[in-house]
Amino acid sequence: MTPRQAFDPACRRCPRLNAFLHEVKARHPSYHCAPVAPFGDPRARLLIVGLAPGMHGANATGRPFTGDFAGILLYRTLHRYGFSNQAAVSNRDDGLVMRDCRITNAVKCLPPENKPKAAEINTCNDFLAAELEALPQKSMILVLGGIAHKATVKALNLRQSEYPFAHGVEYALSSGKRLLASYHCSRYNTQTGRLTSSMFERVIARAREWIDSQGGTQEQ
């Protein structure tokens, strides 16, 4: 793998994840059960970084945040603020088109119990680093949850202590990019009220506001 490779569909570098994907594939033969590629506009100025594919979501459909509860709030809000052509998603052939937005995960393969180990996050981190490096100069990186935040800070080669996670926190990066954080739009967070629709909408609205302030066209 070259250092600048942002995704490898044949990656099998994490033995535990590889074995788990085989187990899930045996139970659900129609599922994707492989590394899930980033999805969206390849020149997007908004990159959303989630944690990892969900068992019956991205791991099943092969597209980030598609097919499970976590994607409902995400795609609905992205559509409201002009980052996609439709609010509801169902499968990878539903006609969804992202506008100036791309979605990826810190870990590209489904982990048991949705909990990747630190070594697995680190193993996958070079893919994320390559993707961040390829972003246009004036871009917003939106991380969903503390683990994705830490993985992104690591991929940017920054000190964790200088970029602590908190919902709504925003950092200006020396590269001209911005780092914005949100609680993850998981079923647990939304049903417990840790993350409300209005809280999440304010984060996406901020991303929209900042991107628009940088000019209305995508530029490298």
C-alpha atoms as a PDB file:
ATOM      1  CA  MET A   1       0.000   0.000   0.000  1.00  0.00           C
ATOM      2  CA  THR A   2       1.320   3.444  -0.915  1.00  0.00           C
ATOM      3  CA  PRO A   3       1.272   6.142   1.801  1.00  0.00           C
ATOM      4  CA  ARG A   4      -1.231   8.248  -0.179  1.00  0.00           C
ATOM      5  CA  GLN A   5      -3.797   5.486  -0.661  1.00  0.00           C
ATOM      6  CA  ALA A   6      -7.057   6.520   0.997  1.00  0.00           C
ATOM      7  CA  PHE A   7      -8.871   3.192   0.620  1.00  0.00           C
ATOM      8  CA  ASP A   8      -8.023  -0.427  -0.132  1.00  0.00           C
ATOM      9  CA  PRO A   9     -11.029  -2.691  -0.828  1.00  0.00           C
ATOM     10  CA  ALA A  10      -8.813  -5.742  -0.361  1.00  0.00           C
ATOM     11  CA  CYS A  11      -7.356  -4.667   2.994  1.00  0.00           C
ATOM     12  CA  ARG A  12      -7.166  -7.515   5.509  1.00  0.00           C
ATOM     13  CA  ARG A  13      -4.595  -6.082   7.917  1.00  0.00           C
ATOM     14  CA  CYS A  14      -6.652  -6.540  11.101  1.00  0.00           C
ATOM     15  CA  PRO A  15      -6.989 -10.280  11.868  1.00  0.00           C
ATOM     16  CA  ARG A  16      -9.821  -9.869  14.387  1.00  0.00           C
ATOM     17  CA  LEU A  17     -11.885  -7.716  12.032  1.00  0.00           C
ATOM     18  CA  ASN A  18     -11.214  -9.988   9.081  1.00  0.00           C
ATOM     19  CA  ALA A  19     -12.344 -13.037  11.049  1.00  0.00           C
ATOM     20  CA  PHE A  20     -15.453 -11.234  12.260  1.00  0.00           C
ATOM     21  CA  LEU A  21     -16.415 -10.214   8.725  1.00  0.00           C
ATOM     22  CA  HIS A  22     -16.232 -13.878   7.680  1.00  0.00           C
ATOM     23  CA  GLU A  23     -18.500 -14.840  10.576  1.00  0.00           C
ATOM     24  CA  VAL A  24     -21.052 -12.169   9.699  1.00  0.00           C
ATOM     25  CA  LYS A  25     -20.939 -13.088   6.003  1.00  0.00           C
ATOM     26  CA  ALA A  26     -21.779 -16.678   6.894  1.00  0.00           C
ATOM     27  CA  ARG A  27     -24.859 -15.475   8.796  1.00  0.00           C
ATOM     28  CA  HIS A  28     -25.823 -12.806   6.253  1.00  0.00           C
ATOM     29  CA  PRO A  29     -24.655 -13.887   2.782  1.00  0.00           C
ATOM     30  CA  SER A  30     -26.153 -10.835   1.081  1.00  0.00           C
ATOM     31  CA  TYR A  31     -24.221  -8.352   3.245  1.00  0.00           C
ATOM     32  CA  HIS A  32     -21.237  -6.370   1.958  1.00  0.00           C
ATOM     33  CA  CYS A  33     -18.946  -7.636   4.766  1.00  0.00           C
ATOM     34  CA  ALA A  34     -15.788  -5.946   3.502  1.00  0.00           C
ATOM     35  CA  PRO A  35     -14.045  -2.604   3.931  1.00  0.00           C
ATOM     36  CA  VAL A  36     -16.523   0.203   3.260  1.00  0.00           C
ATOM     37  CA  ALA A  37     -15.312   2.898   0.896  1.00  0.00           C
ATOM     38  CA  PRO A  38     -15.767   6.619   1.496  1.00  0.00           C
ATOM     39  CA  PHE A  39     -18.845   7.957  -0.277  1.00  0.00           C
ATOM     40  CA  GLY A  40     -19.647  11.278  -1.876  1.00  0.00           C
ATOM     41  CA  ASP A  41     -18.111  14.114  -3.841  1.00  0.00           C
ATOM     42  CA  PRO A  42     -14.398  13.358  -4.431  1.00  0.00           C
ATOM     43  CA  ARG A  43     -13.597  17.100  -4.293  1.00  0.00           C
ATOM     44  CA  ALA A  44     -15.847  17.875  -1.337  1.00  0.00           C
ATOM     45  CA  ARG A  45     -14.988  20.644   1.085  1.00  0.00           C
ATOM     46  CA  LEU A  46     -16.937  18.948   3.880  1.00  0.00           C
ATOM     47  CA  LEU A  47     -15.559  15.595   5.018  1.00  0.00           C
ATOM     48  CA  ILE A  48     -17.551  13.771   7.687  1.00  0.00           C
ATOM     49  CA  VAL A  49     -15.641  11.179   9.700  1.00  0.00           C
ATOM     50  CA  GLY A  50     -17.638   8.512  11.513  1.00  0.00           C
ATOM     51  CA  LEU A  51     -16.369   5.663  13.664  1.00  0.00           C
ATOM     52  CA  ALA A  52     -16.892   2.409  11.735  1.00  0.00           C
ATOM     53  CA  PRO A  53     -19.524   0.608   9.631  1.00  0.00           C
ATOM     54  CA  GLY A  54     -22.596  -0.590  11.522  1.00  0.00           C
ATOM     55  CA  MET A  55     -23.547  -4.263  11.459  1.00  0.00           C
ATOM     56  CA  HIS A  56     -26.852  -3.834   9.617  1.00  0.00           C
ATOM     57  CA  GLY A  57     -26.009  -0.473   8.088  1.00  0.00           C
ATOM     58  CA  ALA A  58     -22.857   0.228   6.108  1.00  0.00           C
ATOM     59  CA  ASN A  59     -21.571  -3.306   6.632  1.00  0.00           C
ATOM     60  CA  ALA A  60     -24.733  -4.575   4.945  1.00  0.00           C
ATOM     61  CA  THR A  61     -25.128  -1.969   2.212  1.00  0.00           C
ATOM     62  CA  GLY A  62     -21.514  -1.049   1.511  1.00  0.00           C
ATOM     63  CA  ARG A  63     -22.185   2.687   1.891  1.00  0.00           C
ATOM     64  CA  PRO A  64     -21.466   4.771   5.016  1.00  0.00           C
ATOM     65  CA  PHE A  65     -24.455   5.448   7.297  1.00  0.00           C
ATOM     66  CA  THR A  66     -26.892   3.664   4.993  1.00  0.00           C
ATOM     67  CA  GLY A  67     -29.400   1.112   6.223  1.00  0.00           C
ATOM     68  CA  ASP A  68     -29.415   1.727   9.964  1.00  0.00           C
ATOM     69  CA  PHE A  69     -30.681   4.275  12.472  1.00  0.00           C
ATOM     70  CA  ALA A  70     -27.514   6.385  12.594  1.00  0.00           C
ATOM     71  CA  GLY A  71     -27.968   7.569   9.024  1.00  0.00           C
ATOM     72  CA  ILE A  72     -31.513   8.901   9.477  1.00  0.00           C
ATOM     73  CA  LEU A  73     -30.587  12.106  11.283  1.00  0.00           C
ATOM     74  CA  LEU A  74     -27.345  12.503   9.351  1.00  0.00           C
ATOM     75  CA  TYR A  75     -28.751  12.390   5.828  1.00  0.00           C
ATOM     76  CA  ARG A  76     -31.904  14.288   6.727  1.00  0.00           C
ATOM     77  CA  THR A  77     -29.824  17.146   8.104  1.00  0.00           C
ATOM     78  CA  LEU A  78     -27.318  17.103   5.259  1.00  0.00           C
ATOM     79  CA  HIS A  79     -30.210  17.428   2.822  1.00  0.00           C
ATOM     80  CA  ARG A  80     -31.720  20.307   4.773  1.00  0.00           C
ATOM     81  CA  TYR A  81     -28.475  22.261   4.449  1.00  0.00           C
ATOM     82  CA  GLY A  82     -27.887  21.475   0.795  1.00  0.00           C
ATOM     83  CA  PHE A  83     -25.241  18.767   1.072  1.00  0.00           C
ATOM     84  CA  SER A  84     -27.303  16.045  -0.640  1.00  0.00           C
ATOM     85  CA  ASN A  85     -30.137  15.650  -3.121  1.00  0.00           C
ATOM     86  CA  GLN A  86     -32.477  13.669  -0.843  1.00  0.00           C
ATOM     87  CA  ALA A  87     -33.338  13.353   2.823  1.00  0.00           C
ATOM     88  CA  ALA A  88     -34.130   9.638   3.063  1.00  0.00           C
ATOM     89  CA  VAL A  89     -31.748   6.828   2.152  1.00  0.00           C
ATOM     90  CA  SER A  90     -32.274   3.081   1.931  1.00  0.00           C
ATOM     91  CA  ASN A  91     -29.538   1.370  -0.091  1.00  0.00           C
ATOM     92  CA  ARG A  92     -26.553   2.164  -2.251  1.00  0.00           C
ATOM     93  CA  ASP A  93     -28.725   2.286  -5.396  1.00  0.00           C
ATOM     94  CA  ASP A  94     -31.301   4.776  -4.068  1.00  0.00           C
ATOM     95  CA  GLY A  95     -30.041   7.683  -6.188  1.00  0.00           C
ATOM     96  CA  LEU A  96     -28.385   9.620  -3.370  1.00  0.00           C
ATOM     97  CA  VAL A  97     -25.933  12.253  -4.601  1.00  0.00           C
ATOM     98  CA  MET A  98     -23.720  14.204  -2.208  1.00  0.00           C
ATOM     99  CA  ARG A  99     -23.015  17.868  -2.904  1.00  0.00           C
ATOM    100  CA  ASP A 100     -19.655  19.221  -1.723  1.00  0.00           C
ATOM    101  CA  CYS A 101     -19.698  16.527   0.974  1.00  0.00           C
ATOM    102  CA  ARG A 102     -18.070  13.138   1.481  1.00  0.00           C
ATOM    103  CA  ILE A 103     -18.481  10.628   4.295  1.00  0.00           C
ATOM    104  CA  THR A 104     -15.862   8.218   5.579  1.00  0.00           C
ATOM    105  CA  ASN A 105     -15.037   6.235   8.723  1.00  0.00           C
ATOM    106  CA  ALA A 106     -12.018   6.128  10.992  1.00  0.00           C
ATOM    107  CA  VAL A 107     -12.169   2.316  10.761  1.00  0.00           C
ATOM    108  CA  LYS A 108     -13.294   0.914   7.421  1.00  0.00           C
ATOM    109  CA  CYS A 109     -14.424  -2.543   8.621  1.00  0.00           C
ATOM    110  CA  LEU A 110     -17.160  -3.646  11.002  1.00  0.00           C
ATOM    111  CA  PRO A 111     -15.798  -4.267  14.541  1.00  0.00           C
ATOM    112  CA  PRO A 112     -17.435  -6.645  17.018  1.00  0.00           C
ATOM    113  CA  GLU A 113     -19.955  -4.790  19.208  1.00  0.00           C
ATOM    114  CA  ASN A 114     -19.161  -1.631  17.226  1.00  0.00           C
ATOM    115  CA  LYS A 115     -15.984  -1.251  19.292  1.00  0.00           C
ATOM    116  CA  PRO A 116     -12.699  -1.251  17.381  1.00  0.00           C
ATOM    117  CA  LYS A 117      -9.545  -1.806  19.386  1.00  0.00           C
ATOM    118  CA  ALA A 118      -6.902   0.902  19.586  1.00  0.00           C
ATOM    119  CA  ALA A 119      -4.535  -1.138  17.427  1.00  0.00           C
ATOM    120  CA  GLU A 120      -7.212  -1.454  14.727  1.00  0.00           C
ATOM    121  CA  ILE A 121      -7.876   2.286  14.754  1.00  0.00           C
ATOM    122  CA  ASN A 122      -4.151   2.899  14.408  1.00  0.00           C
ATOM    123  CA  THR A 123      -3.788   0.344  11.623  1.00  0.00           C
ATOM    124  CA  CYS A 124      -6.509   2.079   9.624  1.00  0.00           C
ATOM    125  CA  ASN A 125      -5.238   5.568  10.380  1.00  0.00           C
ATOM    126  CA  ASP A 126      -3.005   5.895   7.340  1.00  0.00           C
ATOM    127  CA  PHE A 127      -6.062   5.617   5.082  1.00  0.00           C
ATOM    128  CA  LEU A 128      -7.677   8.499   6.946  1.00  0.00           C
ATOM    129  CA  ALA A 129      -4.442  10.515   6.830  1.00  0.00           C
ATOM    130  CA  ALA A 130      -4.276  10.140   3.062  1.00  0.00           C
ATOM    131  CA  GLU A 131      -7.884  11.227   2.702  1.00  0.00           C
ATOM    132  CA  LEU A 132      -7.367  14.290   4.883  1.00  0.00           C
ATOM    133  CA  GLU A 133      -4.231  15.224   2.987  1.00  0.00           C
ATOM    134  CA  ALA A 134      -6.145  15.161  -0.307  1.00  0.00           C
ATOM    135  CA  LEU A 135      -8.830  17.597   0.877  1.00  0.00           C
ATOM    136  CA  PRO A 136      -8.987  21.032  -0.749  1.00  0.00           C
ATOM    137  CA  GLN A 137      -7.199  23.680   1.298  1.00  0.00           C
ATOM    138  CA  LYS A 138     -10.346  25.426   2.547  1.00  0.00           C
ATOM    139  CA  SER A 139     -12.217  22.409   3.906  1.00  0.00           C
ATOM    140  CA  MET A 140     -14.215  21.510   6.997  1.00  0.00           C
ATOM    141  CA  ILE A 141     -13.616  18.177   8.724  1.00  0.00           C
ATOM    142  CA  LEU A 142     -16.609  17.139  10.829  1.00  0.00           C
ATOM    143  CA  VAL A 143     -15.941  14.311  13.258  1.00  0.00           C
ATOM    144  CA  LEU A 144     -18.742  12.289  14.824  1.00  0.00           C
ATOM    145  CA  GLY A 145     -17.824  11.139  18.313  1.00  0.00           C
ATOM    146  CA  GLY A 146     -14.749  11.093  20.468  1.00  0.00           C
ATOM    147  CA  ILE A 147     -13.044   8.103  18.857  1.00  0.00           C
ATOM    148  CA  ALA A 148     -13.364   9.546  15.358  1.00  0.00           C
ATOM    149  CA  HIS A 149     -12.105  12.852  16.745  1.00  0.00           C
ATOM    150  CA  LYS A 150      -8.994  11.279  18.241  1.00  0.00           C
ATOM    151  CA  ALA A 151      -8.335   9.269  15.077  1.00  0.00           C
ATOM    152  CA  THR A 152      -8.591  12.431  13.002  1.00  0.00           C
ATOM    153  CA  VAL A 153      -6.268  14.396  15.284  1.00  0.00           C
ATOM    154  CA  LYS A 154      -3.766  11.550  15.021  1.00  0.00           C
ATOM    155  CA  ALA A 155      -4.111  11.402  11.235  1.00  0.00           C
ATOM    156  CA  LEU A 156      -3.429  15.144  11.089  1.00  0.00           C
ATOM    157  CA  ASN A 157      -0.262  14.575  13.150  1.00  0.00           C
ATOM    158  CA  LEU A 158      -1.486  16.896  15.887  1.00  0.00           C
ATOM    159  CA  ARG A 159      -1.232  16.625  19.676  1.00  0.00           C
ATOM    160  CA  GLN A 160      -4.304  15.168  21.320  1.00  0.00           C
ATOM    161  CA  SER A 161      -3.933  17.393  24.386  1.00  0.00           C
ATOM    162  CA  GLU A 162      -4.212  20.514  22.237  1.00  0.00           C
ATOM    163  CA  TYR A 163      -7.421  19.401  20.481  1.00  0.00           C
ATOM    164  CA  PRO A 164      -9.782  17.912  23.106  1.00  0.00           C
ATOM    165  CA  PHE A 165     -13.160  16.597  22.013  1.00  0.00           C
ATOM    166  CA  ALA A 166     -16.402  18.316  22.916  1.00  0.00           C
ATOM    167  CA  HIS A 167     -19.687  18.653  21.085  1.00  0.00           C
ATOM    168  CA  GLY A 168     -19.650  21.772  18.915  1.00  0.00           C
ATOM    169  CA  VAL A 169     -15.979  22.543  19.453  1.00  0.00           C
ATOM    170  CA  GLU A 170     -14.210  23.985  16.420  1.00  0.00           C
ATOM    171  CA  TYR A 171     -10.504  24.341  15.685  1.00  0.00           C
ATOM    172  CA  ALA A 172      -8.681  26.328  13.026  1.00  0.00           C
ATOM    173  CA  LEU A 173      -5.858  24.218  11.579  1.00  0.00           C
ATOM    174  CA  SER A 174      -2.582  25.572  10.237  1.00  0.00           C
ATOM    175  CA  SER A 175      -3.379  24.031   6.844  1.00  0.00           C
ATOM    176  CA  GLY A 176      -6.309  26.424   6.379  1.00  0.00           C
ATOM    177  CA  LYS A 177      -8.808  23.674   7.146  1.00  0.00           C
ATOM    178  CA  ARG A 178     -11.199  23.569  10.094  1.00  0.00           C
ATOM    179  CA  LEU A 179     -11.970  20.740  12.518  1.00  0.00           C
ATOM    180  CA  LEU A 180     -15.518  20.606  13.897  1.00  0.00           C
ATOM    181  CA  ALA A 181     -16.780  18.009  16.382  1.00  0.00           C
ATOM    182  CA  SER A 182     -20.178  16.539  17.185  1.00  0.00           C
ATOM    183  CA  TYR A 183     -21.548  13.751  19.265  1.00  0.00           C
ATOM    184  CA  HIS A 184     -22.153  10.706  17.082  1.00  0.00           C
ATOM    185  CA  CYS A 185     -25.665  10.462  15.627  1.00  0.00           C
ATOM    186  CA  SER A 186     -26.134   6.956  17.006  1.00  0.00           C
ATOM    187  CA  ARG A 187     -29.435   5.544  18.213  1.00  0.00           C
ATOM    188  CA  TYR A 188     -28.158   5.598  21.792  1.00  0.00           C
ATOM    189  CA  ASN A 189     -27.159   9.269  21.683  1.00  0.00           C
ATOM    190  CA  THR A 190     -30.355  10.452  20.015  1.00  0.00           C
ATOM    191  CA  GLN A 191     -32.741   8.359  22.100  1.00  0.00           C
ATOM    192  CA  THR A 192     -31.107   9.368  25.384  1.00  0.00           C
ATOM    193  CA  GLY A 193     -31.157  13.016  24.386  1.00  0.00           C
ATOM    194  CA  ARG A 194     -27.402  13.404  24.506  1.00  0.00           C
ATOM    195  CA  LEU A 195     -27.673  14.551  20.898  1.00  0.00           C
ATOM    196  CA  THR A 196     -30.900  16.245  19.821  1.00  0.00           C
ATOM    197  CA  SER A 197     -31.915  17.105  16.279  1.00  0.00           C
ATOM    198  CA  SER A 198     -31.455  20.807  16.984  1.00  0.00           C
ATOM    199  CA  MET A 199     -27.968  20.233  18.394  1.00  0.00           C
ATOM    200  CA  PHE A 200     -26.941  18.315  15.303  1.00  0.00           C
ATOM    201  CA  GLU A 201     -28.549  20.835  12.970  1.00  0.00           C
ATOM    202  CA  ARG A 202     -26.508  23.627  14.547  1.00  0.00           C
ATOM    203  CA  VAL A 203     -23.310  21.708  13.794  1.00  0.00           C
ATOM    204  CA  ILE A 204     -24.227  21.106  10.152  1.00  0.00           C
ATOM    205  CA  ALA A 205     -25.406  24.709   9.848  1.00  0.00           C
ATOM    206  CA  ARG A 206     -22.012  25.848  11.102  1.00  0.00           C
ATOM    207  CA  ALA A 207     -20.275  23.678   8.505  1.00  0.00           C
ATOM    208  CA  ARG A 208     -22.507  25.167   5.807  1.00  0.00           C
ATOM    209  CA  GLU A 209     -21.859  28.709   7.028  1.00  0.00           C
ATOM    210  CA  TRP A 210     -18.088  28.331   7.090  1.00  0.00           C
ATOM    211  CA  ILE A 211     -17.849  26.605   3.705  1.00  0.00           C
ATOM    212  CA  ASP A 212     -20.046  29.256   2.112  1.00  0.00           C
ATOM    213  CA  SER A 213     -17.872  31.980   3.632  1.00  0.00           C
ATOM    214  CA  GLN A 214     -14.880  30.563   1.772  1.00  0.00           C
ATOM    215  CA  GLY A 215     -16.499  31.028  -1.631  1.00  0.00           C
ATOM    216  CA  GLY A 216     -19.252  29.273  -3.519  1.00  0.00           C
ATOM    217  CA  THR A 217     -17.152  26.952  -5.692  1.00  0.00           C
ATOM    218  CA  GLN A 218     -14.989  23.944  -5.001  1.00  0.00           C
ATOM    219  CA  GLU A 219     -11.334  24.756  -5.456  1.00  0.00           C
ATOM    220  CA  GLN A 220      -8.214  22.688  -4.980  1.00  0.00           C
END
